[in-house]
Protein backbone atom coordinates (compact mmCIF):
# COMPACT_ATOMS: atom_id res chain seq x y z
CA UNK A 1 -51.69 28.90 -57.27
CA UNK A 2 -49.34 29.00 -60.25
CA UNK A 3 -46.59 31.61 -60.49
CA UNK A 4 -44.19 32.11 -63.38
CA UNK A 5 -40.88 33.74 -62.45
CA UNK A 6 -39.21 35.10 -65.55
CA UNK A 7 -36.29 37.23 -66.71
CA UNK A 8 -33.98 35.44 -64.27
CA UNK A 9 -30.49 33.95 -64.36
CA UNK A 10 -31.30 30.50 -63.04
CA UNK A 11 -28.60 28.28 -61.54
CA UNK A 12 -29.76 24.79 -62.48
CA UNK A 13 -26.45 23.05 -61.62
CA UNK A 14 -26.52 21.17 -64.93
CA UNK A 15 -26.30 21.89 -68.65
CA UNK A 16 -29.91 23.04 -68.70
CA UNK A 17 -30.29 26.70 -69.70
CA UNK A 18 -33.13 28.54 -68.01
CA UNK A 19 -34.35 32.09 -67.62
CA UNK A 20 -37.71 31.15 -66.15
CA UNK A 21 -39.36 28.73 -63.76
CA UNK A 22 -42.91 27.99 -62.69
CA UNK A 23 -44.03 27.21 -59.14
CA UNK A 24 -47.26 25.34 -58.54
CA UNK A 25 -48.48 24.34 -55.06
CA UNK A 26 -45.06 24.85 -53.51
CA UNK A 27 -43.15 22.76 -56.06
CA UNK A 28 -41.17 23.62 -59.18
CA UNK A 29 -43.44 22.64 -62.08
CA UNK A 30 -41.30 23.92 -64.95
CA UNK A 31 -37.74 25.14 -65.46
CA UNK A 32 -36.60 26.45 -68.81
CA UNK A 33 -37.17 29.30 -71.23
CA UNK A 34 -39.93 31.85 -70.79
CA UNK A 35 -41.52 31.28 -74.20
CA UNK A 36 -42.10 27.61 -73.33
CA UNK A 37 -43.44 28.48 -69.86
CA UNK A 38 -45.93 30.93 -71.34
CA UNK A 39 -47.26 28.26 -73.70
CA UNK A 40 -47.50 25.63 -70.96
CA UNK A 41 -48.91 27.95 -68.28
CA UNK A 42 -50.69 30.82 -70.06
CA UNK A 43 -52.75 31.80 -67.01
CA UNK A 44 -49.90 31.83 -64.47
CA UNK A 45 -49.23 34.98 -62.48
CA UNK A 46 -45.99 36.47 -63.81
CA UNK A 47 -43.16 37.85 -61.70
CA UNK A 48 -40.32 39.73 -63.40
CA UNK A 49 -37.00 39.14 -61.62
CA UNK A 50 -35.21 41.78 -63.71
CA UNK A 51 -32.23 39.63 -64.60
CA UNK A 52 -31.36 38.72 -61.01
CA UNK A 53 -29.57 35.49 -60.10
CA UNK A 54 -31.66 32.64 -58.69
CA UNK A 55 -30.24 29.57 -57.00
CA UNK A 56 -31.73 26.83 -54.83
CA UNK A 57 -32.43 27.99 -51.29
CA UNK A 58 -29.34 27.92 -49.14
CA UNK A 59 -28.97 24.94 -46.80
CA UNK A 60 -26.86 25.44 -43.66
CA UNK A 61 -25.86 21.88 -42.90
CA UNK A 62 -24.64 22.46 -39.36
CA UNK A 63 -25.77 25.14 -36.94
CA UNK A 64 -27.58 25.66 -33.63
CA UNK A 65 -30.91 27.36 -34.38
CA UNK A 66 -32.30 27.34 -30.84
CA UNK A 67 -29.01 28.60 -29.41
CA UNK A 68 -29.00 31.39 -31.99
CA UNK A 69 -32.52 32.40 -30.98
CA UNK A 70 -31.64 32.37 -27.28
CA UNK A 71 -28.50 34.40 -27.87
CA UNK A 72 -30.35 37.06 -29.85
CA UNK A 73 -32.19 37.92 -26.62
CA UNK A 74 -29.04 38.02 -24.44
CA UNK A 75 -25.89 40.13 -24.18
CA UNK A 76 -24.23 40.42 -27.59
CA UNK A 77 -20.50 40.56 -26.91
CA UNK A 78 -19.33 39.94 -30.48
CA UNK A 79 -19.43 43.63 -31.48
CA UNK A 80 -17.46 44.47 -28.31
CA UNK A 81 -14.75 41.85 -28.67
CA UNK A 82 -12.11 44.33 -29.80
CA UNK A 83 -10.96 44.54 -26.18
CA UNK A 84 -11.54 42.97 -22.79
CA UNK A 85 -12.42 46.39 -21.40
CA UNK A 86 -15.13 46.82 -24.03
CA UNK A 87 -16.59 43.38 -23.27
CA UNK A 88 -16.76 44.18 -19.57
CA UNK A 89 -18.27 47.62 -20.25
CA UNK A 90 -21.08 46.15 -22.36
CA UNK A 91 -21.69 43.46 -19.76
CA UNK A 92 -21.85 46.04 -16.97
CA UNK A 93 -24.32 48.23 -18.86
CA UNK A 94 -26.57 45.25 -19.62
CA UNK A 95 -26.56 44.11 -15.98
CA UNK A 96 -27.48 47.62 -14.80
CA UNK A 97 -30.29 48.05 -17.32
CA UNK A 98 -31.75 44.56 -16.84
CA UNK A 99 -32.27 44.25 -13.06
CA UNK A 100 -35.12 41.79 -13.66
CA UNK A 101 -32.84 39.15 -15.21
CA UNK A 102 -31.99 36.41 -12.72
CA UNK A 103 -28.96 35.36 -14.79
CA UNK A 104 -26.74 37.57 -16.94
CA UNK A 105 -25.68 35.59 -20.00
CA UNK A 106 -23.33 36.84 -22.72
CA UNK A 107 -21.84 35.31 -25.82
CA UNK A 108 -19.28 35.56 -28.62
CA UNK A 109 -16.19 37.14 -27.07
CA UNK A 110 -12.85 36.13 -28.52
CA UNK A 111 -9.63 36.87 -26.66
CA UNK A 112 -7.59 36.66 -29.86
CA UNK A 113 -9.29 39.89 -30.98
CA UNK A 114 -8.60 41.79 -27.76
CA UNK A 115 -6.25 44.73 -28.30
CA UNK A 116 -5.64 45.45 -24.61
CA UNK A 117 -5.04 42.06 -22.95
CA UNK A 118 -5.00 38.85 -25.00
CA UNK A 119 -6.30 36.60 -22.24
CA UNK A 120 -9.53 35.01 -21.13
CA UNK A 121 -11.77 37.02 -18.81
CA UNK A 122 -11.84 35.67 -15.25
CA UNK A 123 -14.30 35.42 -12.38
CA UNK A 124 -12.67 38.51 -10.86
CA UNK A 125 -13.29 40.50 -14.04
CA UNK A 126 -16.95 39.48 -14.03
CA UNK A 127 -17.33 40.15 -10.31
CA UNK A 128 -16.29 43.75 -10.92
CA UNK A 129 -19.23 44.34 -13.26
CA UNK A 130 -21.80 41.85 -11.97
CA UNK A 131 -21.53 40.52 -8.43
CA UNK A 132 -25.17 40.45 -7.30
CA UNK A 133 -26.33 37.46 -9.40
CA UNK A 134 -24.87 34.67 -11.52
CA UNK A 135 -23.16 35.70 -14.74
CA UNK A 136 -21.78 33.42 -17.47
CA UNK A 137 -20.19 34.51 -20.74
CA UNK A 138 -19.33 32.04 -23.51
CA UNK A 139 -16.46 32.28 -25.94
CA UNK A 140 -17.42 32.52 -29.61
CA UNK A 141 -16.75 28.79 -30.14
CA UNK A 142 -18.98 27.72 -27.24
CA UNK A 143 -16.26 25.42 -25.88
CA UNK A 144 -15.10 27.77 -23.12
CA UNK A 145 -17.16 29.86 -20.71
CA UNK A 146 -16.36 32.13 -17.80
CA UNK A 147 -18.51 32.29 -14.67
CA UNK A 148 -18.51 34.86 -11.89
CA UNK A 149 -18.17 33.92 -8.22
CA UNK A 150 -21.92 33.83 -7.67
CA UNK A 151 -22.40 31.28 -10.47
CA UNK A 152 -19.47 29.20 -9.25
CA UNK A 153 -20.88 29.08 -5.71
CA UNK A 154 -24.26 27.94 -6.99
CA UNK A 155 -22.51 25.16 -8.92
CA UNK A 156 -20.64 24.01 -5.83
CA UNK A 157 -17.27 25.04 -7.22
CA UNK A 158 -15.37 26.24 -4.20
CA UNK A 159 -11.75 27.27 -3.77
CA UNK A 160 -10.49 23.90 -5.00
CA UNK A 161 -10.95 22.53 -8.52
CA UNK A 162 -12.04 18.95 -8.96
CA UNK A 163 -11.60 16.72 -12.03
CA UNK A 164 -14.36 16.75 -14.66
CA UNK A 165 -14.75 13.96 -17.22
CA UNK A 166 -14.34 15.49 -20.67
CA UNK A 167 -13.74 18.98 -19.30
CA UNK A 168 -11.65 21.16 -17.03
CA UNK A 169 -12.06 23.74 -14.28
CA UNK A 170 -9.16 26.11 -14.88
CA UNK A 171 -7.24 27.44 -11.89
CA UNK A 172 -4.92 30.37 -11.27
CA UNK A 173 -1.33 30.15 -10.06
CA UNK A 174 -2.59 29.54 -6.50
CA UNK A 175 -4.79 26.60 -7.47
CA UNK A 176 -8.01 28.64 -7.12
CA UNK A 177 -10.68 28.23 -9.83
CA UNK A 178 -10.44 31.39 -11.92
CA UNK A 179 -13.91 31.10 -13.46
CA UNK A 180 -12.81 29.61 -16.78
CA UNK A 181 -14.62 26.39 -17.63
CA UNK A 182 -13.74 24.16 -20.57
CA UNK A 183 -15.97 21.65 -22.38
CA UNK A 184 -18.05 19.46 -20.01
CA UNK A 185 -17.16 21.66 -17.04
CA UNK A 186 -19.37 24.38 -18.52
CA UNK A 187 -22.48 22.34 -17.76
CA UNK A 188 -21.70 22.42 -14.04
CA UNK A 189 -22.96 26.00 -14.17
CA UNK A 190 -25.30 26.12 -17.18
CA UNK A 191 -27.41 23.21 -15.90
CA UNK A 192 -28.55 25.56 -13.13
CA UNK A 193 -30.09 28.04 -15.58
CA UNK A 194 -33.88 27.59 -15.45
CA UNK A 195 -35.32 25.66 -18.38
CA UNK A 196 -37.49 27.70 -20.77
CA UNK A 197 -41.11 26.70 -21.14
CA UNK A 198 -42.50 25.64 -24.50
CA UNK A 199 -43.68 29.14 -25.41
CA UNK A 200 -40.20 30.52 -24.75
CA UNK A 201 -38.68 27.77 -26.88
CA UNK A 202 -41.03 28.67 -29.72
CA UNK A 203 -40.27 32.37 -29.45
CA UNK A 204 -36.52 31.71 -29.63
CA UNK A 205 -36.91 29.39 -32.61
CA UNK A 206 -39.10 31.85 -34.52
CA UNK A 207 -36.64 34.66 -33.83
CA UNK A 208 -33.79 32.53 -35.18
CA UNK A 209 -35.78 31.45 -38.25
CA UNK A 210 -36.43 35.07 -39.16
CA UNK A 211 -32.74 35.82 -38.71
CA UNK A 212 -31.46 33.06 -41.00
CA UNK A 213 -34.08 33.85 -43.66
CA UNK A 214 -32.46 37.23 -44.17
CA UNK A 215 -29.32 35.42 -45.36
CA UNK A 216 -31.21 33.42 -47.99
CA UNK A 217 -31.27 30.25 -45.88
CA UNK A 218 -34.27 28.00 -46.49
CA UNK A 219 -33.08 24.81 -44.75
CA UNK A 220 -31.01 24.20 -41.64
CA UNK A 221 -29.54 21.12 -40.01
CA UNK A 222 -29.46 22.11 -36.39
CA UNK A 223 -28.27 20.77 -33.05
CA UNK A 224 -30.82 21.95 -30.43
CA UNK A 225 -31.38 19.23 -27.84
CA UNK A 226 -28.78 20.36 -25.29
CA UNK A 227 -29.05 24.13 -25.78
CA UNK A 228 -31.25 24.48 -22.70
CA UNK A 229 -32.37 22.27 -19.82
CA UNK A 230 -35.57 21.48 -21.72
CA UNK A 231 -35.65 17.75 -22.58
CA UNK A 232 -35.53 16.74 -26.23
CA UNK A 233 -39.24 15.87 -26.11
CA UNK A 234 -40.04 19.54 -25.40
CA UNK A 235 -37.83 20.77 -28.23
CA UNK A 236 -39.54 18.41 -30.67
CA UNK A 237 -42.95 19.48 -29.37
CA UNK A 238 -42.08 23.16 -29.82
CA UNK A 239 -41.16 22.58 -33.46
CA UNK A 240 -44.30 20.55 -34.11
CA UNK A 241 -46.48 23.29 -32.64
CA UNK A 242 -44.82 25.93 -34.82
CA UNK A 243 -45.41 23.68 -37.83
CA UNK A 244 -49.05 23.06 -36.90
CA UNK A 245 -49.55 26.82 -36.58
CA UNK A 246 -48.19 27.32 -40.11
CA UNK A 247 -45.28 29.46 -38.90
CA UNK A 248 -42.30 27.44 -40.13
CA UNK A 249 -40.26 29.63 -42.46
CA UNK A 250 -37.23 27.34 -42.58
CA UNK A 251 -37.09 23.59 -43.15
CA UNK A 252 -35.39 21.89 -40.20
CA UNK A 253 -33.43 18.68 -39.85
CA UNK A 254 -32.58 18.05 -36.22
CA UNK A 255 -29.07 16.80 -35.50
CA UNK A 256 -30.03 14.99 -32.33
CA UNK A 257 -27.44 15.52 -29.61
CA UNK A 258 -28.03 12.66 -27.17
CA UNK A 259 -24.79 12.67 -25.23
CA UNK A 260 -25.16 9.59 -23.02
CA UNK A 261 -26.53 6.07 -23.26
CA UNK A 262 -29.55 6.68 -21.02
CA UNK A 263 -30.75 9.59 -23.16
CA UNK A 264 -30.06 7.76 -26.41
CA UNK A 265 -31.96 4.67 -25.23
CA UNK A 266 -34.94 6.81 -24.14
CA UNK A 267 -34.97 8.49 -27.54
CA UNK A 268 -34.90 5.17 -29.39
CA UNK A 269 -37.53 3.65 -27.09
CA UNK A 270 -39.97 6.39 -28.17
CA UNK A 271 -39.67 5.27 -31.78
CA UNK A 272 -37.52 8.18 -32.93
CA UNK A 273 -35.03 7.48 -35.73
CA UNK A 274 -33.26 9.32 -38.51
CA UNK A 275 -35.92 10.27 -41.06
CA UNK A 276 -38.81 10.63 -38.60
CA UNK A 277 -40.96 13.61 -39.58
CA UNK A 278 -41.60 15.39 -42.86
CA UNK A 279 -40.10 18.01 -45.16
CA UNK A 280 -40.69 20.78 -42.60
CA UNK A 281 -39.30 19.10 -39.50
CA UNK A 282 -37.45 15.82 -39.48
CA UNK A 283 -34.99 14.01 -37.26
CA UNK A 284 -31.52 13.57 -38.69
CA UNK A 285 -28.40 11.97 -37.23
CA UNK A 286 -27.32 11.25 -33.70
CA UNK A 287 -25.02 14.19 -32.96
CA UNK A 288 -22.06 13.72 -30.61
CA UNK A 289 -19.20 16.02 -29.62
CA UNK A 290 -15.79 14.34 -29.46
CA UNK A 291 -13.56 17.32 -28.64
CA UNK A 292 -13.34 21.09 -28.32
CA UNK A 293 -12.17 23.91 -30.57
CA UNK A 294 -8.90 25.07 -32.12
CA UNK A 295 -9.24 28.61 -30.77
CA UNK A 296 -9.29 27.37 -27.17
CA UNK A 297 -6.73 24.60 -27.75
CA UNK A 298 -9.31 22.05 -26.59
CA UNK A 299 -9.55 20.30 -29.97
CA UNK A 300 -8.04 16.85 -29.40
CA UNK A 301 -4.72 16.52 -31.22
CA UNK A 302 -2.48 13.49 -31.65
CA UNK A 303 0.50 15.63 -30.60
CA UNK A 304 0.77 18.72 -28.38
CA UNK A 305 -0.04 22.19 -29.64
CA UNK A 306 2.94 24.12 -30.96
CA UNK A 307 2.02 27.16 -28.86
CA UNK A 308 0.92 25.13 -25.80
CA UNK A 309 3.18 22.07 -25.58
CA UNK A 310 1.63 21.03 -22.27
CA UNK A 311 -1.68 20.03 -23.85
CA UNK A 312 -3.12 17.94 -26.67
CA UNK A 313 -6.66 19.22 -26.05
CA UNK A 314 -9.63 17.48 -24.46
CA UNK A 315 -11.34 14.20 -25.29
CA UNK A 316 -15.02 14.44 -24.41
CA UNK A 317 -15.40 10.64 -24.58
CA UNK A 318 -13.10 7.72 -24.09
CA UNK A 319 -12.79 5.53 -27.17
CA UNK A 320 -14.88 2.87 -25.43
CA UNK A 321 -17.71 5.26 -24.55
CA UNK A 322 -17.77 6.69 -28.08
CA UNK A 323 -17.77 3.19 -29.55
CA UNK A 324 -20.80 2.21 -27.47
CA UNK A 325 -22.86 5.27 -28.46
CA UNK A 326 -21.99 4.96 -32.14
CA UNK A 327 -22.67 1.23 -32.29
CA UNK A 328 -26.02 1.54 -30.48
CA UNK A 329 -27.24 4.26 -32.84
CA UNK A 330 -25.83 2.52 -35.91
CA UNK A 331 -27.55 -0.76 -35.06
CA UNK A 332 -30.81 1.15 -34.58
CA UNK A 333 -30.57 2.47 -38.14
CA UNK A 334 -29.59 6.01 -37.25
CA UNK A 335 -27.24 8.25 -39.14
CA UNK A 336 -24.40 9.61 -36.97
CA UNK A 337 -22.59 12.96 -37.11
CA UNK A 338 -19.74 13.62 -34.68
CA UNK A 339 -18.06 16.95 -33.96
CA UNK A 340 -14.33 16.35 -34.38
CA UNK A 341 -11.94 19.24 -34.97
CA UNK A 342 -8.58 17.75 -33.99
CA UNK A 343 -6.88 14.82 -35.71
CA UNK A 344 -6.96 12.91 -32.42
CA UNK A 345 -10.74 13.24 -32.26
CA UNK A 346 -11.04 12.30 -35.94
CA UNK A 347 -9.16 9.06 -35.28
CA UNK A 348 -11.56 8.17 -32.48
CA UNK A 349 -14.61 8.85 -34.66
CA UNK A 350 -13.19 6.83 -37.54
CA UNK A 351 -12.36 3.96 -35.18
CA UNK A 352 -15.91 3.97 -33.79
CA UNK A 353 -17.57 4.03 -37.22
CA UNK A 354 -15.20 1.38 -38.57
CA UNK A 355 -16.04 -0.89 -35.64
CA UNK A 356 -19.79 -0.33 -36.02
CA UNK A 357 -19.69 -1.08 -39.74
CA UNK A 358 -17.65 -4.23 -39.13
CA UNK A 359 -20.18 -5.52 -36.59
CA UNK A 360 -23.30 -4.35 -38.47
CA UNK A 361 -22.62 -3.44 -42.13
CA UNK A 362 -24.84 -0.74 -43.65
CA UNK A 363 -24.35 0.40 -47.23
CA UNK A 364 -25.72 3.96 -47.12
CA UNK A 365 -25.44 5.13 -43.52
CA UNK A 366 -23.96 8.53 -44.45
CA UNK A 367 -22.23 8.89 -41.10
CA UNK A 368 -20.16 12.03 -40.93
CA UNK A 369 -17.60 14.20 -39.21
CA UNK A 370 -18.73 17.70 -38.31
CA UNK A 371 -16.00 20.32 -38.91
CA UNK A 372 -13.22 17.91 -40.03
CA UNK A 373 -10.73 20.75 -39.63
CA UNK A 374 -7.44 19.14 -38.64
CA UNK A 375 -7.79 16.13 -40.89
CA UNK A 376 -4.86 14.33 -42.47
CA UNK A 377 -5.00 12.88 -45.96
CA UNK A 378 -4.73 9.41 -44.43
CA UNK A 379 -7.83 10.14 -42.36
CA UNK A 380 -9.63 11.48 -45.43
CA UNK A 381 -8.85 8.18 -47.16
CA UNK A 382 -10.44 6.31 -44.25
CA UNK A 383 -13.52 8.52 -44.55
CA UNK A 384 -13.78 7.64 -48.23
CA UNK A 385 -13.51 3.92 -47.53
CA UNK A 386 -16.26 4.22 -44.92
CA UNK A 387 -18.47 6.33 -47.24
CA UNK A 388 -18.52 9.12 -44.68
CA UNK A 389 -19.63 12.73 -45.12
CA UNK A 390 -17.82 15.92 -44.05
CA UNK A 391 -19.86 18.83 -42.70
CA UNK A 392 -17.44 21.72 -43.27
CA UNK A 393 -17.61 25.41 -42.34
CA UNK A 394 -15.67 27.48 -44.90
CA UNK A 395 -16.56 30.65 -42.99
CA UNK A 396 -14.22 29.47 -40.21
CA UNK A 397 -11.32 30.41 -42.48
CA UNK A 398 -12.14 34.05 -41.82
CA UNK A 399 -10.70 33.73 -38.30
CA UNK A 400 -8.84 30.45 -38.20
CA UNK A 401 -6.33 31.38 -40.90
CA UNK A 402 -4.84 33.74 -38.30
CA UNK A 403 -4.29 31.04 -35.67
CA UNK A 404 -3.83 27.72 -37.43
CA UNK A 405 -0.05 27.96 -37.98
CA UNK A 406 0.75 29.26 -34.48
CA UNK A 407 -1.37 26.47 -33.01
CA UNK A 408 -0.20 23.63 -35.23
CA UNK A 409 2.99 24.52 -37.10
CA UNK A 410 3.61 22.26 -40.11
CA UNK A 411 0.46 20.25 -39.35
CA UNK A 412 -1.51 23.19 -40.73
CA UNK A 413 -0.23 22.28 -44.20
CA UNK A 414 -3.02 19.74 -44.64
CA UNK A 415 -5.78 21.23 -42.49
CA UNK A 416 -9.24 22.51 -43.48
CA UNK A 417 -9.53 20.26 -46.55
CA UNK A 418 -12.27 20.86 -49.10
CA UNK A 419 -11.32 20.36 -52.75
CA UNK A 420 -9.15 17.34 -51.91
CA UNK A 421 -12.11 15.69 -50.17
CA UNK A 422 -14.23 16.04 -53.30
CA UNK A 423 -11.42 14.72 -55.48
CA UNK A 424 -11.08 11.74 -53.16
CA UNK A 425 -14.80 11.03 -53.34
CA UNK A 426 -15.75 12.21 -49.84
CA UNK A 427 -19.07 14.05 -49.93
CA UNK A 428 -19.14 17.46 -48.26
CA UNK A 429 -21.68 20.11 -47.31
CA UNK A 430 -21.35 23.65 -46.00
CA UNK A 431 -22.51 25.21 -42.76
CA UNK A 432 -21.86 28.11 -40.42
CA UNK A 433 -22.02 26.56 -36.93
CA UNK A 434 -24.13 29.63 -36.10
CA UNK A 435 -24.12 31.31 -33.63
CA UNK A 436 -20.36 30.65 -33.64
CA UNK A 437 -20.50 32.57 -36.94
CA UNK A 438 -23.37 34.38 -38.59
CA UNK A 439 -25.45 32.07 -40.85
CA UNK A 440 -23.98 34.05 -43.73
CA UNK A 441 -23.78 31.64 -46.65
CA UNK A 442 -22.36 34.17 -49.09
CA UNK A 443 -19.40 34.86 -46.81
CA UNK A 444 -18.95 31.11 -46.45
CA UNK A 445 -18.97 30.71 -50.23
CA UNK A 446 -16.40 33.48 -50.61
CA UNK A 447 -14.09 31.85 -48.06
CA UNK A 448 -14.47 28.49 -49.81
CA UNK A 449 -13.50 30.02 -53.15
CA UNK A 450 -10.74 32.43 -52.05
CA UNK A 451 -9.36 30.63 -48.97
CA UNK A 452 -8.79 34.08 -47.48
CA UNK A 453 -10.17 35.98 -44.50
CA UNK A 454 -12.95 38.44 -45.19
CA UNK A 455 -12.75 40.59 -42.04
CA UNK A 456 -9.06 40.31 -41.14
CA UNK A 457 -5.89 41.16 -43.06
CA UNK A 458 -4.64 38.11 -44.90
CA UNK A 459 -1.54 37.70 -47.02
CA UNK A 460 -1.58 34.81 -49.42
CA UNK A 461 -4.58 32.47 -49.61
CA UNK A 462 -4.43 29.61 -47.12
CA UNK A 463 -3.73 26.32 -48.95
CA UNK A 464 -5.19 27.57 -52.27
CA UNK A 465 -5.16 24.04 -53.69
CA UNK A 466 -8.05 23.33 -51.30
CA UNK A 467 -10.21 26.12 -52.79
CA UNK A 468 -13.57 25.10 -54.21
CA UNK A 469 -14.80 26.33 -57.55
CA UNK A 470 -17.75 28.69 -57.26
CA UNK A 471 -19.91 25.99 -58.84
CA UNK A 472 -18.95 23.45 -56.15
CA UNK A 473 -19.22 26.05 -53.38
CA UNK A 474 -22.83 26.76 -54.39
CA UNK A 475 -23.57 23.04 -54.47
CA UNK A 476 -21.97 22.77 -51.03
CA UNK A 477 -24.72 25.00 -49.62
CA UNK A 478 -27.58 23.60 -51.73
CA UNK A 479 -27.61 20.13 -53.32
CA UNK A 480 -24.79 18.71 -51.19
CA UNK A 481 -26.58 19.88 -48.04
CA UNK A 482 -29.73 18.08 -49.14
CA UNK A 483 -27.67 14.93 -49.68
CA UNK A 484 -26.33 15.15 -46.12
CA UNK A 485 -29.88 14.80 -44.77
CA UNK A 486 -31.08 12.16 -47.28
CA UNK A 487 -33.26 14.77 -49.01
CA UNK A 488 -31.53 15.05 -52.38
CA UNK A 489 -34.65 13.79 -54.19
CA UNK A 490 -36.90 16.57 -52.87
CA UNK A 491 -34.78 19.73 -52.55
CA UNK A 492 -31.46 21.37 -53.24
CA UNK A 493 -31.96 21.87 -56.99
CA UNK A 494 -34.17 24.00 -59.20
CA UNK A 495 -35.81 21.25 -61.20
CA UNK A 496 -39.38 20.03 -61.86
CA UNK A 497 -40.80 18.11 -58.92
CA UNK A 498 -38.45 19.62 -56.32
CA UNK A 499 -39.65 21.76 -53.42
CA UNK A 500 -39.81 25.41 -54.52
CA UNK A 501 -37.19 26.78 -52.14
CA UNK A 502 -35.04 29.42 -53.78
CA UNK A 503 -32.91 32.47 -53.11
CA UNK A 504 -32.71 35.56 -55.32
CA UNK A 505 -29.45 37.49 -55.37
CA UNK A 506 -29.04 40.99 -56.77
CA UNK A 507 -25.76 40.08 -58.48
CA UNK A 508 -24.64 36.99 -60.38
CA UNK A 509 -21.72 35.61 -58.32
CA UNK A 510 -20.26 34.04 -61.48
CA UNK A 511 -19.77 37.56 -62.83
CA UNK A 512 -18.49 39.02 -59.57
CA UNK A 513 -15.01 39.50 -58.19
CA UNK A 514 -14.71 36.59 -55.72
CA UNK A 515 -13.36 38.96 -53.05
CA UNK A 516 -16.72 40.78 -52.82
CA UNK A 517 -19.17 37.88 -53.04
CA UNK A 518 -20.02 38.48 -49.36
CA UNK A 519 -21.41 41.90 -50.27
CA UNK A 520 -24.03 40.46 -52.64
CA UNK A 521 -27.51 41.54 -51.48
CA UNK A 522 -30.08 38.81 -50.86
CA UNK A 523 -33.22 40.13 -52.54
CA UNK A 524 -35.71 37.36 -51.81
CA UNK A 525 -35.91 34.12 -49.82
CA UNK A 526 -38.71 31.74 -50.84
CA UNK A 527 -39.70 28.53 -49.08
CA UNK A 528 -42.33 26.27 -50.60
CA UNK A 529 -43.24 28.99 -53.07
CA UNK A 530 -43.85 31.60 -50.36
CA UNK A 531 -41.61 34.59 -49.71
CA UNK A 532 -40.35 34.57 -46.13
């Protein structure tokens, strides 16, 4: 089938002027002016786009698709996070109206937005609204969760806290676990949640795919392997079945979280490597998590937090353990992407990659740091020397601009870099970390361009010298995302021979006030030439 899309404002990301493009068999066959397309393809079906803006399909280069799908079926606490009382009310209503649910699971609360009590919920709070079965609610960042007494008992957490490698069981003033679990301690409870079967995995993935499509997203790079108790083999099988059934509506690169040596070795022994798969589902980097989040003060810093001088955050791995995982994957030819928010975690990642490259040099490994939020210019220089990539989330500025100075003081003066990374020669790509944030690329683009919050009052832009141009912000979520997954030769641009993934916007963002880019309607999302 040949389709000619005309009367469009086409973003080609080069000097090429185009108001028309032709799609044939899921690939761009022509990009240029309509008169030339009509001569070359006189029998093509014509679609009038009425002057709307067309760009390559959006690529979210770091998110959690399976987690998003699971959360869409559970208690949505984000809309209730204006107060602790509201969160507990919603949780109580859900528990009462869902007596068949063996576990009550909720997500996306944020104590910084509470107007009544700016504190974490506790086991006692949860016990008041749900005491008859286990209940766990996760903070918006996913790095802190709160469990009720029933869940704690099932996990063997009694009246005394015990140490947890790479995590913490928080206690009250009497030394009693108060239900708050940080980092690796969360798994003490969540590992007890029954694993979904393959059909349930598929249903969650399809639900999430439909959700991201509404935001114009055509490709995702997603971390799914540890979302549930299902082993990575089952997650891969679920994707392959969806693909075989012809129901993939988003192209997926799996950021393979394999958190320990035994799991990594099993993965490699099965022949899996970065690049395994095809343009619909492929395996990407080894994904590791080196620290926590800024909002919970679990991001690993080189010096204590300004507003919590008793902590520098949490290291999920020792340097030696991180070195071993990185070197093993590197020697096996895998790309590596490590979550590191604090400058302390960034140092550990850079040390591990530097060591791996010294022992086994590779010229185009494209190893990267996911988030790269509290990153000094010296660390950025090390990234450039190591040819590393930064997976950034501009949408985080919507919330984090309100907490970064209280948390870090003067250290915030060189945090959340973007433009300086590009100037230095560090490649970057944009993501949402959904479901931490909505997979809302247009809001992410606006934050990248304005360096201001969208949903919260903000004074002056945060470090405006780090703002991206609109041109670079669009590339961040299109061509640069394709580069991050070694797919720059097949997608990310509207050009002949590239996969026909594109997004149609009602308004040209180049002719829009940057402060309202997030309001731009997504009119059409097309993957492989088919509207999804």
